[in-house]
Protein backbone atom coordinates (compact mmCIF):
# COMPACT_ATOMS: atom_id res chain seq x y z
CA MET A 1 0.00 0.00 0.00
CA SER A 2 1.39 3.40 -0.93
CA TRP A 3 1.87 6.09 1.69
CA SER A 4 -0.72 8.79 0.87
CA VAL A 5 -1.36 10.55 4.18
CA ALA A 6 -1.39 14.36 3.96
CA PRO A 7 0.84 16.23 6.42
CA LEU A 8 -0.82 17.36 9.65
CA PRO A 9 -0.23 20.75 11.32
CA ARG A 10 2.66 20.79 13.74
CA GLU A 11 0.37 21.88 16.60
CA ALA A 12 -1.83 18.79 16.14
CA VAL A 13 1.17 16.46 16.25
CA GLU A 14 2.75 18.31 19.19
CA ALA A 15 -0.51 18.02 21.11
CA VAL A 16 -0.42 14.22 20.81
CA ARG A 17 3.30 13.57 21.16
CA PRO A 18 3.58 14.22 24.96
CA VAL A 19 0.90 11.63 25.71
CA ALA A 20 2.14 8.99 23.27
CA GLY A 21 3.22 6.86 26.25
CA ARG A 22 -0.42 6.52 27.28
CA LEU A 23 -1.23 5.34 23.76
CA VAL A 24 1.41 2.61 24.04
CA GLU A 25 -0.14 1.41 27.30
CA GLN A 26 -3.63 1.43 25.81
CA ILE A 27 -2.51 -0.67 22.87
CA VAL A 28 -0.66 -3.15 25.09
CA ALA A 29 -3.60 -3.41 27.49
CA ALA A 30 -6.06 -4.06 24.67
CA VAL A 31 -3.89 -6.76 23.11
CA ARG A 32 -3.39 -8.50 26.46
CA ALA A 33 -7.10 -8.39 27.24
CA GLU A 34 -8.32 -9.74 23.89
CA ASN A 35 -5.51 -12.14 22.95
CA PRO A 36 -4.67 -14.77 25.59
CA VAL A 37 -1.58 -15.89 23.68
CA TYR A 38 0.00 -12.47 24.30
CA ALA A 39 -1.30 -11.82 27.81
CA ASP A 40 1.74 -13.22 29.58
CA VAL A 41 4.16 -12.28 26.79
CA LEU A 42 3.43 -8.56 27.01
CA GLY A 43 3.41 -8.71 30.78
CA GLY A 44 6.95 -10.03 31.05
CA PRO A 45 10.49 -9.38 29.80
CA GLU A 46 9.80 -11.13 26.49
CA GLY A 47 7.32 -8.41 25.59
CA MET A 48 9.85 -5.60 25.95
CA GLY A 49 10.83 -5.79 22.29
CA ILE A 50 7.20 -5.49 21.21
CA ARG A 51 6.67 -2.48 23.50
CA LEU A 52 9.77 -0.79 22.09
CA GLY A 53 8.53 -1.56 18.58
CA ILE A 54 5.19 0.12 19.36
CA GLU A 55 6.93 3.17 20.80
CA GLN A 56 9.21 3.39 17.75
CA ALA A 57 6.26 3.04 15.39
CA ILE A 58 4.29 5.82 17.09
CA GLU A 59 7.26 8.19 17.11
CA SER A 60 8.09 7.41 13.48
CA PHE A 61 4.46 7.93 12.50
CA LEU A 62 4.14 11.28 14.25
CA THR A 63 7.33 12.55 12.67
CA ALA A 64 6.20 11.37 9.22
CA VAL A 65 2.70 12.92 9.30
CA GLU A 66 4.18 16.16 10.56
CA ARG A 67 6.53 16.32 7.57
CA GLY A 68 4.27 14.67 5.02
CA GLU A 69 6.87 11.95 4.43
CA ARG A 70 6.93 8.18 4.61
CA PRO A 71 7.79 6.75 8.06
CA ARG A 72 11.38 5.67 8.42
CA ALA A 73 12.32 2.40 6.74
CA ALA A 74 14.12 1.39 9.93
CA THR A 75 10.76 1.06 11.68
CA SER A 76 9.52 -1.35 9.02
CA GLU A 77 12.65 -3.44 9.46
CA ILE A 78 12.12 -3.49 13.23
CA TRP A 79 8.67 -4.99 12.74
CA ARG A 80 9.94 -7.50 10.21
CA ARG A 81 12.42 -8.63 12.85
CA LEU A 82 9.64 -8.79 15.43
CA GLY A 83 7.69 -10.99 13.02
CA GLU A 84 10.69 -13.30 12.79
CA ALA A 85 10.91 -13.37 16.58
CA GLU A 86 7.27 -14.40 16.84
CA PHE A 87 7.87 -17.40 14.62
CA GLN A 88 10.98 -18.39 16.54
CA ALA A 89 9.02 -18.13 19.79
CA GLY A 90 6.58 -20.71 18.44
CA ARG A 91 3.53 -18.47 18.28
CA GLY A 92 1.17 -18.98 15.36
CA LEU A 93 0.53 -16.59 12.49
CA ASP A 94 -3.21 -16.51 13.18
CA ALA A 95 -2.57 -15.39 16.76
CA LEU A 96 -0.17 -12.73 15.50
CA ARG A 97 -2.70 -11.38 13.01
CA ALA A 98 -5.46 -11.35 15.63
CA ALA A 99 -3.26 -9.42 18.05
CA TRP A 100 -2.33 -6.98 15.30
CA ARG A 101 -5.99 -6.28 14.52
CA THR A 102 -6.62 -5.63 18.22
CA GLY A 103 -3.64 -3.28 18.40
CA THR A 104 -4.77 -1.38 15.29
CA ARG A 105 -8.21 -0.78 16.73
CA ALA A 106 -6.70 0.31 20.03
CA ALA A 107 -4.28 2.71 18.28
CA TRP A 108 -7.06 4.22 16.17
CA ARG A 109 -9.38 4.65 19.16
CA GLY A 110 -6.65 5.85 21.53
CA ALA A 111 -5.27 8.45 19.11
CA ALA A 112 -8.76 9.87 18.60
CA GLU A 113 -9.33 10.12 22.34
CA LEU A 114 -5.97 11.75 22.97
CA GLY A 115 -6.51 14.20 20.12
CA ASN A 116 -9.88 15.23 21.47
CA GLU A 117 -8.46 15.63 24.97
CA ALA A 118 -5.70 17.87 23.58
CA GLY A 119 -8.24 20.04 21.78
CA VAL A 120 -7.24 18.99 18.28
CA PRO A 121 -10.05 19.96 15.83
CA THR A 122 -12.25 17.04 14.78
CA PRO A 123 -11.19 17.07 11.08
CA LEU A 124 -7.58 16.75 12.16
CA VAL A 125 -8.43 13.95 14.60
CA ILE A 126 -10.12 12.08 11.75
CA ALA A 127 -7.10 12.64 9.51
CA LEU A 128 -4.84 11.42 12.30
CA ALA A 129 -6.91 8.26 12.74
CA GLU A 130 -6.92 7.61 9.00
CA GLY A 131 -3.16 7.99 8.91
CA ILE A 132 -2.81 5.46 11.72
CA PHE A 133 -4.99 3.02 9.80
CA VAL A 134 -2.82 3.32 6.68
CA TYR A 135 0.40 3.08 8.66
CA THR A 136 -0.61 0.07 10.77
CA ASP A 137 -1.74 -1.68 7.61
CA GLU A 138 1.72 -1.19 6.12
CA LEU A 139 3.46 -2.32 9.30
CA GLY A 140 1.13 -5.31 9.51
CA THR A 141 2.35 -6.36 6.09
CA GLU A 142 5.94 -6.01 7.29
CA VAL A 143 5.46 -8.07 10.45
CA VAL A 144 3.75 -10.88 8.53
CA GLU A 145 6.48 -10.74 5.87
CA GLY A 146 9.10 -11.15 8.58
CA TYR A 147 7.21 -14.08 10.08
CA LEU A 148 6.82 -15.82 6.72
CA ARG A 149 10.40 -15.08 5.71
CA ILE A 150 11.92 -16.83 8.70
CA GLN A 151 9.31 -19.59 8.47
CA SER A 152 10.35 -20.22 4.88
CA ASP A 153 14.03 -20.13 5.79
CA GLU A 154 13.49 -22.53 8.68
CA ALA A 155 11.42 -24.87 6.51
CA GLY A 156 14.08 -24.87 3.81
CA GLU A 157 16.83 -25.58 6.31
CA ARG A 158 14.84 -28.37 7.95
CA GLU A 159 14.15 -29.87 4.52
CA ARG A 160 17.87 -29.86 3.72
CA ARG A 161 18.68 -31.45 7.05
CA ARG A 162 16.04 -34.13 6.57
CA ARG A 163 17.34 -34.96 3.13
CA ARG A 164 20.81 -35.30 4.61
CA LEU A 165 19.41 -37.58 7.30
CA ALA A 166 17.61 -39.71 4.72
CA ALA A 167 20.85 -40.08 2.76
CA LEU A 168 22.69 -41.24 5.89
CA LEU A 169 19.97 -43.74 6.78
CA LEU A 170 20.02 -45.21 3.27
CA ASP A 171 23.79 -45.56 3.00
CA PRO A 172 24.38 -49.33 3.28
CA ASP A 173 28.16 -49.02 3.51
CA GLY A 174 28.58 -46.00 5.75
CA HIS A 175 26.01 -46.53 8.49
CA ASP A 176 27.32 -44.37 11.33
CA PRO A 177 25.00 -44.42 14.39
CA GLU A 178 26.58 -41.32 15.91
CA ALA A 179 26.34 -39.31 12.68
CA ILE A 180 22.75 -40.42 12.21
CA GLU A 181 21.83 -39.52 15.78
CA ARG A 182 23.32 -36.05 15.35
CA ALA A 183 21.66 -35.55 11.97
CA ALA A 184 18.31 -36.64 13.41
CA GLU A 185 18.68 -34.15 16.24
CA LEU A 186 19.42 -31.32 13.81
CA ALA A 187 16.47 -32.35 11.62
CA ARG A 188 14.17 -32.55 14.66
CA TRP A 189 13.33 -36.14 13.79
CA PRO A 190 13.07 -38.55 16.75
CA LEU A 191 14.89 -41.74 15.81
CA PRO A 192 12.34 -44.57 15.68
CA GLN A 193 12.77 -48.24 16.51
CA THR A 194 11.64 -49.27 13.02
CA VAL A 195 11.11 -47.70 9.60
CA ALA A 196 9.51 -48.65 6.30
CA ALA A 197 10.48 -47.15 2.96
CA VAL A 198 7.86 -46.15 0.40
CA ALA A 199 8.86 -45.95 -3.26
CA LEU A 200 6.82 -43.44 -5.26
CA LYS A 201 6.11 -43.32 -8.95
CA GLY A 202 7.16 -39.88 -10.11
CA GLU A 203 9.29 -37.19 -8.56
CA SER A 204 6.94 -35.59 -6.02
CA ALA A 205 5.81 -36.67 -2.57
CA PRO A 206 2.21 -36.53 -1.29
CA ARG A 207 1.21 -33.24 0.34
CA ARG A 208 -0.71 -34.67 3.29
CA LEU A 209 2.17 -36.44 4.95
CA ASP A 210 2.60 -36.71 8.69
CA THR A 211 5.32 -34.33 9.83
CA ASN A 212 7.47 -37.24 11.06
CA VAL A 213 7.67 -38.86 7.61
CA LEU A 214 10.95 -38.16 5.80
CA ALA A 215 10.39 -37.28 2.14
CA SER A 216 13.31 -37.20 -0.27
CA SER A 217 14.43 -38.32 -3.71
CA ASP A 218 17.46 -39.56 -5.60
CA GLU A 219 18.29 -40.42 -9.18
CA ARG A 220 15.71 -43.24 -9.12
CA GLY A 221 12.81 -41.11 -7.97
CA ALA A 222 10.97 -39.96 -4.86
CA PHE A 223 10.65 -41.99 -1.69
CA LEU A 224 9.49 -41.76 1.91
CA LEU A 225 10.87 -43.11 5.17
CA VAL A 226 8.00 -43.81 7.56
CA PRO A 227 8.89 -44.11 11.27
CA ASP A 228 7.28 -46.92 13.31
CA PRO A 229 4.82 -47.90 10.56
CA ALA A 230 3.11 -50.44 12.82
CA GLY A 231 2.30 -47.80 15.45
CA PRO A 232 -1.32 -47.03 16.39
CA GLY A 233 -3.11 -45.39 13.47
CA HIS A 234 0.03 -45.06 11.37
CA ALA A 235 -1.07 -47.46 8.63
CA GLY A 236 -4.36 -45.62 8.10
CA THR A 237 -2.67 -42.22 8.08
CA LEU A 238 -0.16 -43.39 5.46
CA ARG A 239 -2.86 -44.98 3.34
CA ARG A 240 -4.87 -41.74 3.28
CA ALA A 241 -1.75 -39.71 2.42
CA LEU A 242 -0.99 -42.01 -0.52
CA GLU A 243 -4.49 -41.91 -2.02
CA GLY A 244 -4.25 -41.14 -5.72
CA HIS A 245 -0.57 -42.06 -5.87
CA THR A 246 1.16 -45.16 -7.23
CA ALA A 247 3.45 -46.40 -4.48
CA ALA A 248 5.04 -49.51 -3.02
CA ILE A 249 5.53 -49.97 0.72
CA GLY A 250 8.65 -51.85 1.75
CA PRO A 251 9.05 -54.18 4.72
CA THR A 252 9.38 -52.82 8.25
CA VAL A 253 13.02 -52.93 9.32
CA ALA A 254 15.46 -51.45 11.81
CA PRO A 255 16.75 -48.00 10.74
CA ARG A 256 20.13 -49.47 9.77
CA ASP A 257 18.31 -51.61 7.14
CA ALA A 258 16.31 -48.77 5.60
CA HIS A 259 18.23 -49.21 2.33
CA ARG A 260 16.94 -52.78 2.08
CA SER A 261 13.34 -51.70 2.62
CA LEU A 262 13.67 -49.10 -0.15
CA ARG A 263 15.33 -51.56 -2.54
CA HIS A 264 12.48 -54.03 -2.10
CA ALA A 265 9.86 -51.28 -2.38
CA ARG A 266 11.33 -50.20 -5.71
CA MET A 267 11.32 -53.78 -6.93
CA ALA A 268 7.62 -54.00 -6.05
CA LEU A 269 6.94 -50.68 -7.75
CA GLY A 270 8.49 -52.18 -10.87
CA LEU A 271 5.74 -54.79 -11.00
CA GLY A 272 3.57 -52.15 -12.61
CA HIS A 273 0.53 -52.40 -10.35
CA ALA A 274 -1.65 -49.32 -9.90
CA GLY A 275 -2.37 -47.87 -6.48
CA ILE A 276 -0.58 -48.97 -3.32
CA VAL A 277 1.45 -52.19 -3.34
CA HIS A 278 2.83 -53.90 -0.24
CA VAL A 279 6.09 -55.79 -0.70
CA GLU A 280 4.95 -58.49 1.72
CA ASP A 281 2.05 -59.37 -0.61
CA HIS A 282 4.41 -60.12 -3.50
CA LEU A 283 7.38 -61.86 -1.93
CA ALA A 284 7.43 -64.87 -4.25
CA THR A 285 7.31 -62.66 -7.33
CA LEU A 286 10.06 -60.43 -6.00
CA ILE A 287 12.25 -63.41 -5.17
CA LEU A 288 11.99 -64.48 -8.80
CA GLN A 289 12.80 -60.98 -9.97
CA ALA A 290 15.87 -60.81 -7.75
CA ASP A 291 17.79 -63.25 -9.95
CA ASP A 292 16.64 -63.21 -13.54
CA GLU A 293 19.18 -65.83 -14.63
CA LEU A 294 18.03 -68.38 -12.05
CA ALA A 295 14.40 -67.68 -12.92
CA ARG A 296 15.11 -68.36 -16.60
CA SER A 297 16.84 -71.60 -15.65
CA LEU A 298 13.82 -72.69 -13.62
CA VAL A 299 11.45 -71.95 -16.50
CA GLY A 300 13.67 -73.87 -18.89
CA LYS A 301 14.04 -76.82 -16.54
CA ARG A 302 10.34 -77.28 -15.76
CA LEU A 303 8.37 -75.83 -18.68
CA ARG A 304 10.52 -76.37 -21.79
CA PRO A 305 8.46 -79.37 -23.07
CA LEU A 306 5.35 -77.16 -23.02
CA LEU A 307 7.04 -74.10 -24.49
CA GLU A 308 8.07 -76.12 -27.55
CA LEU A 309 4.43 -76.86 -28.44
CA PRO A 310 2.40 -74.86 -30.99
CA ASP A 311 0.93 -71.67 -29.51
CA ALA A 312 -2.64 -72.87 -29.01
CA ASP A 313 -1.66 -76.17 -27.41
CA ARG A 314 0.98 -74.49 -25.26
CA GLU A 315 -1.32 -71.85 -23.78
CA ARG A 316 -4.14 -74.35 -23.18
CA LEU A 317 -1.90 -76.75 -21.28
CA LEU A 318 -0.17 -73.98 -19.32
CA GLU A 319 -3.54 -72.62 -18.25
CA THR A 320 -4.69 -76.07 -17.19
CA LEU A 321 -1.47 -76.72 -15.27
CA ARG A 322 -1.79 -73.42 -13.39
CA ALA A 323 -5.40 -74.05 -12.41
CA TRP A 324 -4.65 -77.67 -11.42
CA LEU A 325 -1.84 -76.53 -9.11
CA ASP A 326 -3.85 -73.62 -7.71
CA HIS A 327 -6.78 -75.89 -6.87
CA GLN A 328 -4.54 -78.59 -5.41
CA ARG A 329 -5.35 -81.14 -8.13
CA HIS A 330 -9.12 -80.94 -7.55
CA THR A 331 -10.48 -81.75 -11.02
CA PRO A 332 -14.07 -80.37 -10.57
CA ALA A 333 -12.71 -76.99 -9.37
CA VAL A 334 -10.28 -76.84 -12.29
CA ALA A 335 -13.09 -77.65 -14.75
CA ALA A 336 -15.32 -74.95 -13.24
CA GLU A 337 -12.62 -72.29 -13.53
CA LEU A 338 -11.72 -73.20 -17.11
CA HIS A 339 -15.35 -73.75 -18.16
CA VAL A 340 -14.65 -77.22 -19.56
CA HIS A 341 -15.85 -80.73 -18.79
CA PRO A 342 -13.98 -82.61 -16.01
CA GLN A 343 -13.08 -85.27 -18.55
CA THR A 344 -11.33 -82.62 -20.63
CA VAL A 345 -9.29 -81.69 -17.58
CA ARG A 346 -8.33 -85.33 -17.04
CA TYR A 347 -7.25 -85.63 -20.66
CA ARG A 348 -5.08 -82.51 -20.41
CA ILE A 349 -3.51 -83.64 -17.13
CA ALA A 350 -2.63 -86.95 -18.75
CA LYS A 351 -0.95 -85.02 -21.56
CA LEU A 352 0.90 -82.87 -19.00
CA ARG A 353 2.06 -85.95 -17.16
CA GLU A 354 3.36 -87.34 -20.43
CA LEU A 355 5.32 -84.14 -21.12
CA LEU A 356 6.48 -83.24 -17.61
CA GLY A 357 6.95 -86.65 -16.08
CA GLU A 358 7.15 -87.14 -12.32
CA ALA A 359 7.23 -83.36 -11.59
CA LEU A 360 3.44 -83.51 -11.19
CA ASP A 361 3.66 -86.25 -8.57
CA THR A 362 6.12 -84.82 -6.02
CA PRO A 363 5.71 -81.80 -3.70
CA GLU A 364 9.04 -80.38 -4.81
CA GLY A 365 8.17 -80.80 -8.48
CA ARG A 366 4.78 -79.11 -8.07
CA PHE A 367 6.35 -76.25 -6.14
CA GLU A 368 8.93 -75.66 -8.87
CA LEU A 369 6.23 -75.79 -11.54
CA GLN A 370 4.27 -73.09 -9.69
CA MET A 371 7.35 -70.91 -9.40
CA ALA A 372 8.19 -71.43 -13.08
CA LEU A 373 4.67 -70.47 -14.12
CA ARG A 374 4.85 -67.33 -12.00
CA ALA A 375 8.26 -66.40 -13.42
CA ARG A 376 6.97 -66.78 -16.96
CA ARG A 377 3.79 -64.83 -16.22
CA ILE A 378 5.51 -61.79 -14.76
CA GLY A 379 7.93 -61.69 -17.65
CA SER A 380 11.03 -61.70 -15.46
CA ALA A 381 12.35 -64.76 -17.24
CA GLN A 382 11.93 -65.92 -20.83
CA THR A 383 13.59 -68.87 -22.51
CA SER A 384 14.83 -68.84 -26.03
């Protein structure tokens, strides 16, 4: 807002200046009475800076309206610094704004009363009050700017410290408990007993995260480190925060194993499922993915006779084998799933037994066949 207050006659200003101290007390009393957050603050040593700021503002204002000039820039800087101090003291911006509104009303009302008492003509009293309104509006902008400036600086510094902490936690070769403890203290992050990593698709983290969740990223994308994921209500809070995102939640581990949780989460994210994926729901698949060469060997060992068949015969027998294993060799259930006659199932199983031999008749053979089918289905292993 531009400064557009017309100069006031010297006699009007001089009539108010000697009683400016009363105006300070009226403002302070009003703020204390209407704003509980500031009642004790302004009554003790901590409030001395605010009182001095009010005194400086009044003096700067009176000098400015007498000369028809803008108030001194130094006063604006004082209030920006006071705004910073309010943030550092832990008081909220809403409380600060409420107290400022109270102080503005008190200044406007008090100046009018003092002007009338001093015999200042009514038009000049009105002009004085209008000038106070414009000036306090400008200073209010400065105090909020100071608050937001330090808040932004603090947030940026905390973000940098948390990213540094995340990097230390995820370093598998340089896990240094003392360095991590110090970094956690600087980042204001209580070290938990357990953590779980969350791999995110894309480069941005959800906005509705709990403040204790570490959010960071590296060359492979964004991720989260969730403290004590099994704690009361933590699973539900995380699930709500991840709504609308594609993410994979790694296993719960000790902090020193956070890198392992993230590695597994990223493997699960690579499965291509939409929504939220839990590593623990896909362990068999991930085991197969972990060693592509071994998975290909398993497919070749157990399924090669089927893979050499013509396409139609191959897919029909593979589908029958999967259903037969899934339903624990219960022919009616297999027939119902495949929508064929039980006799057709028996014929196909006989053909499978001819091609695969004793693998169908031993627990180990059936287990390997299931794993081979899974490896082929997820595409992590293909034979030539």
